[in-house]
């Protein structure tokens, strides 16, 4: 029983890590697009779009019950807040 719990916990940790990495990537790309649009190329836009698509994918929904649109909205708000804080500082 303990071994089954340990395996499930390992899978949960892996799923969480995948989502955290995608969230960090999304925020990075969005911040670059908003603050340095002249440095944005097709490759970055492609990665940004792929990351956004991930949060609506079946794979994402297999990893979590958190609504993808809700999470994207929260991530956007955090990026906008960070940008505003940097501009007023």
C-alpha atoms as a PDB file:
ATOM      1  CA  UNK A   1       0.000   0.000   0.000  1.00  0.00           C
ATOM      2  CA  UNK A   2       2.818   2.427   0.862  1.00  0.00           C
ATOM      3  CA  UNK A   3       4.571   1.632  -2.405  1.00  0.00           C
ATOM      4  CA  UNK A   4       1.408   2.390  -4.401  1.00  0.00           C
ATOM      5  CA  UNK A   5       1.077   5.706  -2.582  1.00  0.00           C
ATOM      6  CA  UNK A   6       4.722   6.530  -3.300  1.00  0.00           C
ATOM      7  CA  UNK A   7       4.250   5.773  -6.995  1.00  0.00           C
ATOM      8  CA  UNK A   8       1.110   7.902  -7.204  1.00  0.00           C
ATOM      9  CA  UNK A   9       2.863  10.726  -5.385  1.00  0.00           C
ATOM     10  CA  UNK A  10       5.755  10.525  -7.859  1.00  0.00           C
ATOM     11  CA  UNK A  11       3.322  10.775 -10.785  1.00  0.00           C
ATOM     12  CA  UNK A  12       1.558  13.721  -9.131  1.00  0.00           C
ATOM     13  CA  UNK A  13       4.901  15.490  -8.620  1.00  0.00           C
ATOM     14  CA  UNK A  14       5.813  14.897 -12.258  1.00  0.00           C
ATOM     15  CA  UNK A  15       2.464  16.225 -13.456  1.00  0.00           C
ATOM     16  CA  UNK A  16       2.854  19.305 -11.265  1.00  0.00           C
ATOM     17  CA  UNK A  17       6.373  19.892 -12.597  1.00  0.00           C
ATOM     18  CA  UNK A  18       5.153  19.724 -16.212  1.00  0.00           C
ATOM     19  CA  UNK A  19       2.439  22.298 -15.488  1.00  0.00           C
ATOM     20  CA  UNK A  20       4.789  24.601 -13.563  1.00  0.00           C
ATOM     21  CA  UNK A  21       7.318  24.507 -16.404  1.00  0.00           C
ATOM     22  CA  UNK A  22       4.647  25.311 -18.979  1.00  0.00           C
ATOM     23  CA  UNK A  23       3.352  28.164 -16.789  1.00  0.00           C
ATOM     24  CA  UNK A  24       6.840  29.620 -16.394  1.00  0.00           C
ATOM     25  CA  UNK A  25       7.460  29.333 -20.138  1.00  0.00           C
ATOM     26  CA  UNK A  26       4.134  31.019 -20.910  1.00  0.00           C
ATOM     27  CA  UNK A  27       4.874  33.912 -18.567  1.00  0.00           C
ATOM     28  CA  UNK A  28       8.379  34.323 -19.989  1.00  0.00           C
ATOM     29  CA  UNK A  29       7.118  34.427 -23.580  1.00  0.00           C
ATOM     30  CA  UNK A  30       4.271  36.797 -22.740  1.00  0.00           C
ATOM     31  CA  UNK A  31       6.569  39.162 -20.880  1.00  0.00           C
ATOM     32  CA  UNK A  32       8.986  39.210 -23.818  1.00  0.00           C
ATOM     33  CA  UNK A  33       6.169  39.857 -26.286  1.00  0.00           C
ATOM     34  CA  UNK A  34       4.796  42.730 -24.216  1.00  0.00           C
ATOM     35  CA  UNK A  35       8.044  44.394 -23.177  1.00  0.00           C
ATOM     36  CA  UNK A  36      10.375  43.706 -26.120  1.00  0.00           C
ATOM     37  CA  UNK A  37       8.174  43.291 -29.191  1.00  0.00           C
ATOM     38  CA  UNK A  38      11.045  44.250 -31.498  1.00  0.00           C
ATOM     39  CA  UNK A  39      12.973  41.170 -30.340  1.00  0.00           C
ATOM     40  CA  UNK A  40      10.082  38.762 -30.851  1.00  0.00           C
ATOM     41  CA  UNK A  41      10.560  36.398 -33.770  1.00  0.00           C
ATOM     42  CA  UNK A  42       8.437  33.682 -35.355  1.00  0.00           C
ATOM     43  CA  UNK A  43      10.079  30.997 -33.258  1.00  0.00           C
ATOM     44  CA  UNK A  44       9.138  32.733 -30.009  1.00  0.00           C
ATOM     45  CA  UNK A  45       5.580  33.319 -31.203  1.00  0.00           C
ATOM     46  CA  UNK A  46       5.344  29.653 -32.171  1.00  0.00           C
ATOM     47  CA  UNK A  47       6.535  28.525 -28.729  1.00  0.00           C
ATOM     48  CA  UNK A  48       4.163  30.985 -27.057  1.00  0.00           C
ATOM     49  CA  UNK A  49       1.222  29.677 -29.063  1.00  0.00           C
ATOM     50  CA  UNK A  50       2.188  26.039 -28.422  1.00  0.00           C
ATOM     51  CA  UNK A  51       2.360  26.733 -24.717  1.00  0.00           C
ATOM     52  CA  UNK A  52      -1.061  28.365 -24.827  1.00  0.00           C
ATOM     53  CA  UNK A  53      -2.466  25.384 -26.738  1.00  0.00           C
ATOM     54  CA  UNK A  54      -1.025  23.029 -24.101  1.00  0.00           C
ATOM     55  CA  UNK A  55      -3.355  24.508 -21.463  1.00  0.00           C
ATOM     56  CA  UNK A  56      -6.336  23.462 -23.598  1.00  0.00           C
ATOM     57  CA  UNK A  57      -5.031  20.022 -24.520  1.00  0.00           C
ATOM     58  CA  UNK A  58      -6.197  16.576 -23.436  1.00  0.00           C
ATOM     59  CA  UNK A  59      -2.764  16.003 -21.975  1.00  0.00           C
ATOM     60  CA  UNK A  60      -3.111  19.030 -19.704  1.00  0.00           C
ATOM     61  CA  UNK A  61      -6.535  17.844 -18.566  1.00  0.00           C
ATOM     62  CA  UNK A  62      -5.068  14.418 -17.774  1.00  0.00           C
ATOM     63  CA  UNK A  63      -2.543  16.112 -15.494  1.00  0.00           C
ATOM     64  CA  UNK A  64      -4.911  18.351 -13.549  1.00  0.00           C
ATOM     65  CA  UNK A  65      -8.486  19.405 -12.924  1.00  0.00           C
ATOM     66  CA  UNK A  66      -7.554  23.109 -12.981  1.00  0.00           C
ATOM     67  CA  UNK A  67      -9.314  24.896 -15.826  1.00  0.00           C
ATOM     68  CA  UNK A  68      -6.773  25.932 -18.464  1.00  0.00           C
ATOM     69  CA  UNK A  69      -8.449  29.272 -19.187  1.00  0.00           C
ATOM     70  CA  UNK A  70      -8.524  30.079 -15.490  1.00  0.00           C
ATOM     71  CA  UNK A  71      -4.811  29.343 -15.153  1.00  0.00           C
ATOM     72  CA  UNK A  72      -3.915  31.335 -18.286  1.00  0.00           C
ATOM     73  CA  UNK A  73      -5.904  34.285 -16.953  1.00  0.00           C
ATOM     74  CA  UNK A  74      -4.037  34.122 -13.641  1.00  0.00           C
ATOM     75  CA  UNK A  75      -0.689  33.887 -15.424  1.00  0.00           C
ATOM     76  CA  UNK A  76      -1.518  36.895 -17.623  1.00  0.00           C
ATOM     77  CA  UNK A  77      -2.592  38.964 -14.630  1.00  0.00           C
ATOM     78  CA  UNK A  78       0.672  38.140 -12.865  1.00  0.00           C
ATOM     79  CA  UNK A  79       2.724  39.183 -15.901  1.00  0.00           C
ATOM     80  CA  UNK A  80       0.799  42.462 -16.255  1.00  0.00           C
ATOM     81  CA  UNK A  81       1.256  43.132 -12.541  1.00  0.00           C
ATOM     82  CA  UNK A  82       4.996  42.432 -12.746  1.00  0.00           C
ATOM     83  CA  UNK A  83       5.366  44.731 -15.747  1.00  0.00           C
ATOM     84  CA  UNK A  84       3.432  47.519 -14.016  1.00  0.00           C
ATOM     85  CA  UNK A  85       5.545  47.177 -10.874  1.00  0.00           C
ATOM     86  CA  UNK A  86       8.751  47.373 -12.900  1.00  0.00           C
ATOM     87  CA  UNK A  87       7.534  50.474 -14.728  1.00  0.00           C
ATOM     88  CA  UNK A  88       6.607  52.323 -11.528  1.00  0.00           C
ATOM     89  CA  UNK A  89       9.742  51.324  -9.643  1.00  0.00           C
END
